[in-house]
Amino acid sequence: MNLLFPLGEPPDPAERDRKIMGMALREAHLAMERDEVPVGVVVVLGNRVLGRAGNSVEQLKDATAHAEMLALTQAFEAVGEKRLEKAEVFCTLEPCIQCTGALMHARVARLVYGAPDPKFGGVESLARLFDLPGVNHRVRHEGGLLAEESAQLLRRFFQSKRRRSKGNLL
């Protein structure tokens, strides 16, 4: 069993959330080391980690291999179910439309994310899928936790990519 807090829950819920988002940021750093867009996700149920992943789109040559999708798959396997009704997902970047849909289908209870994603965000930025009328499951969500750290990591990654592509043109 992969426990988050083997000595008990921290007394402050905000401290708990920061610790878990810190774990997601480590997954994002690992993704960046593999030359993947640095997004990291941790899925938890109580004080147990059910899944954790970073983007693996390039490595797997699979456009759907987003960190959220991979961490959800691990979580389904960990609980032996197709639903994660009491689980929480911590993501360094606002989930895209694909991943937002997957969170709804998984019946995740809560999503906490870091930086907004104005180009693809499916929670609040580009679309508001959780707020669509007729949706049969509502995911509580909040953005902005360690947003600057998440955004800085993404900026560094894309600046490095631009520098390398400029170098290839010369």
Protein backbone atom coordinates (compact mmCIF):
# COMPACT_ATOMS: atom_id res chain seq x y z
CA MET A 1 0.00 0.00 0.00
CA ASN A 2 1.41 3.38 -1.02
CA LEU A 3 0.51 5.72 1.86
CA LEU A 4 0.81 9.48 1.64
CA PHE A 5 0.89 10.11 5.37
CA PRO A 6 1.95 6.97 7.24
CA LEU A 7 1.83 8.85 10.57
CA GLY A 8 -1.63 10.30 10.00
CA GLU A 9 -3.16 13.14 8.06
CA PRO A 10 -1.65 16.61 8.42
CA PRO A 11 -3.86 18.78 10.63
CA ASP A 12 -4.24 21.42 7.90
CA PRO A 13 -6.12 20.36 4.72
CA ALA A 14 -4.26 23.06 2.72
CA GLU A 15 -0.94 21.54 3.84
CA ARG A 16 -2.16 18.12 2.66
CA ASP A 17 -3.11 19.51 -0.73
CA ARG A 18 0.27 21.27 -1.12
CA LYS A 19 2.12 18.06 -0.29
CA ILE A 20 0.17 16.08 -2.87
CA MET A 21 0.60 18.80 -5.51
CA GLY A 22 4.32 18.71 -4.71
CA MET A 23 4.26 15.02 -5.66
CA ALA A 24 2.52 15.92 -8.93
CA LEU A 25 5.22 18.52 -9.61
CA ARG A 26 7.87 15.81 -9.17
CA GLU A 27 6.06 13.74 -11.79
CA ALA A 28 6.08 16.78 -14.10
CA HIS A 29 9.85 17.20 -13.59
CA LEU A 30 10.37 13.53 -14.47
CA ALA A 31 8.29 14.00 -17.62
CA MET A 32 10.43 16.99 -18.61
CA GLU A 33 13.57 14.90 -18.14
CA ARG A 34 12.10 12.51 -20.74
CA ASP A 35 11.50 15.49 -23.08
CA GLU A 36 7.74 15.33 -22.47
CA VAL A 37 5.51 18.33 -21.80
CA PRO A 38 5.95 18.65 -18.02
CA VAL A 39 2.57 17.77 -16.60
CA GLY A 40 2.25 15.57 -13.54
CA VAL A 41 -0.74 13.96 -11.82
CA VAL A 42 -1.35 12.13 -8.56
CA VAL A 43 -4.61 10.30 -7.78
CA VAL A 44 -5.35 9.76 -4.10
CA LEU A 45 -8.04 8.09 -2.03
CA GLY A 46 -7.83 9.17 1.59
CA ASN A 47 -4.16 8.85 2.45
CA ARG A 48 -3.38 6.28 -0.25
CA VAL A 49 -1.78 7.07 -3.61
CA LEU A 50 -3.68 5.14 -6.28
CA GLY A 51 -1.76 6.42 -9.29
CA ARG A 52 0.87 8.91 -10.37
CA ALA A 53 2.20 9.78 -13.78
CA GLY A 54 3.72 12.37 -16.04
CA ASN A 55 2.96 12.92 -19.69
CA SER A 56 4.24 10.12 -21.93
CA VAL A 57 2.89 11.19 -25.32
CA GLU A 58 6.30 11.26 -27.04
CA GLN A 59 7.66 8.13 -25.37
CA LEU A 60 4.56 6.04 -26.15
CA LYS A 61 3.82 7.80 -29.45
CA ASP A 62 0.23 8.09 -28.27
CA ALA A 63 -1.64 11.41 -28.31
CA THR A 64 -3.87 10.17 -25.48
CA ALA A 65 -0.97 9.34 -23.10
CA HIS A 66 -1.57 12.40 -20.96
CA ALA A 67 -0.55 12.23 -17.31
CA GLU A 68 -4.21 12.22 -16.21
CA MET A 69 -5.10 9.25 -18.40
CA LEU A 70 -2.10 7.21 -17.25
CA ALA A 71 -2.64 7.99 -13.55
CA LEU A 72 -6.37 7.16 -13.82
CA THR A 73 -5.53 3.80 -15.42
CA GLN A 74 -3.20 3.02 -12.50
CA ALA A 75 -5.90 4.06 -10.03
CA PHE A 76 -8.54 1.83 -11.67
CA GLU A 77 -6.13 -1.07 -11.42
CA ALA A 78 -5.33 -0.26 -7.77
CA VAL A 79 -8.98 -0.33 -6.69
CA GLY A 80 -10.17 -2.97 -9.15
CA GLU A 81 -13.09 -0.81 -10.23
CA LYS A 82 -14.11 1.40 -13.16
CA ARG A 83 -15.15 4.26 -10.87
CA LEU A 84 -13.13 6.41 -8.47
CA GLU A 85 -16.05 8.02 -6.65
CA LYS A 86 -14.19 9.25 -3.56
CA ALA A 87 -10.83 9.86 -5.22
CA GLU A 88 -9.08 13.20 -5.66
CA VAL A 89 -6.89 14.11 -8.62
CA PHE A 90 -4.05 16.62 -8.33
CA CYS A 91 -2.73 17.90 -11.65
CA THR A 92 -0.08 20.53 -12.33
CA LEU A 93 -1.98 21.86 -15.36
CA GLU A 94 -5.70 22.31 -15.94
CA PRO A 95 -6.86 19.11 -17.66
CA CYS A 96 -7.62 19.28 -21.36
CA ILE A 97 -11.02 18.44 -22.78
CA GLN A 98 -10.09 14.75 -23.22
CA CYS A 99 -8.90 14.40 -19.64
CA THR A 100 -11.76 16.42 -18.17
CA GLY A 101 -14.16 13.99 -19.83
CA ALA A 102 -12.23 11.05 -18.42
CA LEU A 103 -12.43 12.54 -14.91
CA MET A 104 -16.21 12.81 -15.26
CA HIS A 105 -16.53 9.24 -16.55
CA ALA A 106 -14.36 8.01 -13.66
CA ARG A 107 -16.70 9.79 -11.23
CA VAL A 108 -13.76 11.47 -9.49
CA ALA A 109 -14.92 13.45 -6.44
CA ARG A 110 -12.44 16.34 -6.59
CA LEU A 111 -9.88 17.88 -8.92
CA VAL A 112 -7.16 20.27 -7.80
CA TYR A 113 -4.94 21.76 -10.49
CA GLY A 114 -2.10 24.24 -10.69
CA ALA A 115 -1.78 26.41 -13.79
CA PRO A 116 -4.67 27.22 -16.14
CA ASP A 117 -4.46 26.04 -19.76
CA PRO A 118 -5.92 28.76 -22.02
CA LYS A 119 -5.41 26.69 -25.21
CA PHE A 120 -6.87 23.32 -24.18
CA GLY A 121 -8.28 23.61 -20.63
CA GLY A 122 -11.56 21.76 -20.24
CA VAL A 123 -12.40 22.88 -16.70
CA GLU A 124 -12.45 26.70 -16.77
CA SER A 125 -10.22 28.16 -19.49
CA LEU A 126 -11.29 26.99 -22.96
CA ALA A 127 -14.39 25.02 -21.95
CA ARG A 128 -16.33 24.34 -18.77
CA LEU A 129 -17.24 20.69 -19.23
CA PHE A 130 -17.99 20.10 -15.54
CA ASP A 131 -20.68 22.81 -15.78
CA LEU A 132 -22.53 21.49 -18.84
CA PRO A 133 -26.27 21.06 -18.29
CA GLY A 134 -27.35 17.46 -18.21
CA VAL A 135 -24.03 16.09 -16.99
CA ASN A 136 -24.82 13.33 -14.51
CA HIS A 137 -21.68 13.74 -12.36
CA ARG A 138 -20.26 16.92 -10.91
CA VAL A 139 -16.58 17.09 -10.03
CA ARG A 140 -15.65 19.63 -7.36
CA HIS A 141 -12.69 21.56 -8.68
CA GLU A 142 -10.28 24.31 -7.79
CA GLY A 143 -7.35 25.74 -9.67
CA GLY A 144 -4.31 27.74 -8.71
CA LEU A 145 -2.50 25.49 -6.23
CA LEU A 146 1.25 25.92 -6.85
CA ALA A 147 0.23 27.51 -10.15
CA GLU A 148 3.37 29.61 -10.51
CA GLU A 149 5.68 26.62 -10.01
CA SER A 150 3.68 24.64 -12.57
CA ALA A 151 3.63 27.51 -15.08
CA GLN A 152 7.38 28.16 -14.66
CA LEU A 153 8.15 24.54 -15.45
CA LEU A 154 6.05 24.71 -18.60
CA ARG A 155 7.66 28.01 -19.66
CA ARG A 156 11.17 26.60 -19.18
CA PHE A 157 10.28 23.53 -21.22
CA PHE A 158 8.84 25.47 -24.16
CA GLN A 159 11.61 28.10 -24.11
CA SER A 160 14.14 25.28 -24.33
CA LYS A 161 12.22 23.76 -27.25
CA ARG A 162 12.18 27.10 -29.07
CA ARG A 163 15.91 27.63 -28.50
CA ARG A 164 16.70 24.16 -29.84
CA SER A 165 14.52 24.64 -32.92
CA LYS A 166 16.15 28.04 -33.62
CA GLY A 167 19.56 26.38 -33.35
CA ASN A 168 18.52 23.80 -35.93
CA LEU A 169 17.62 26.55 -38.40
CA LEU A 170 21.10 28.09 -38.36
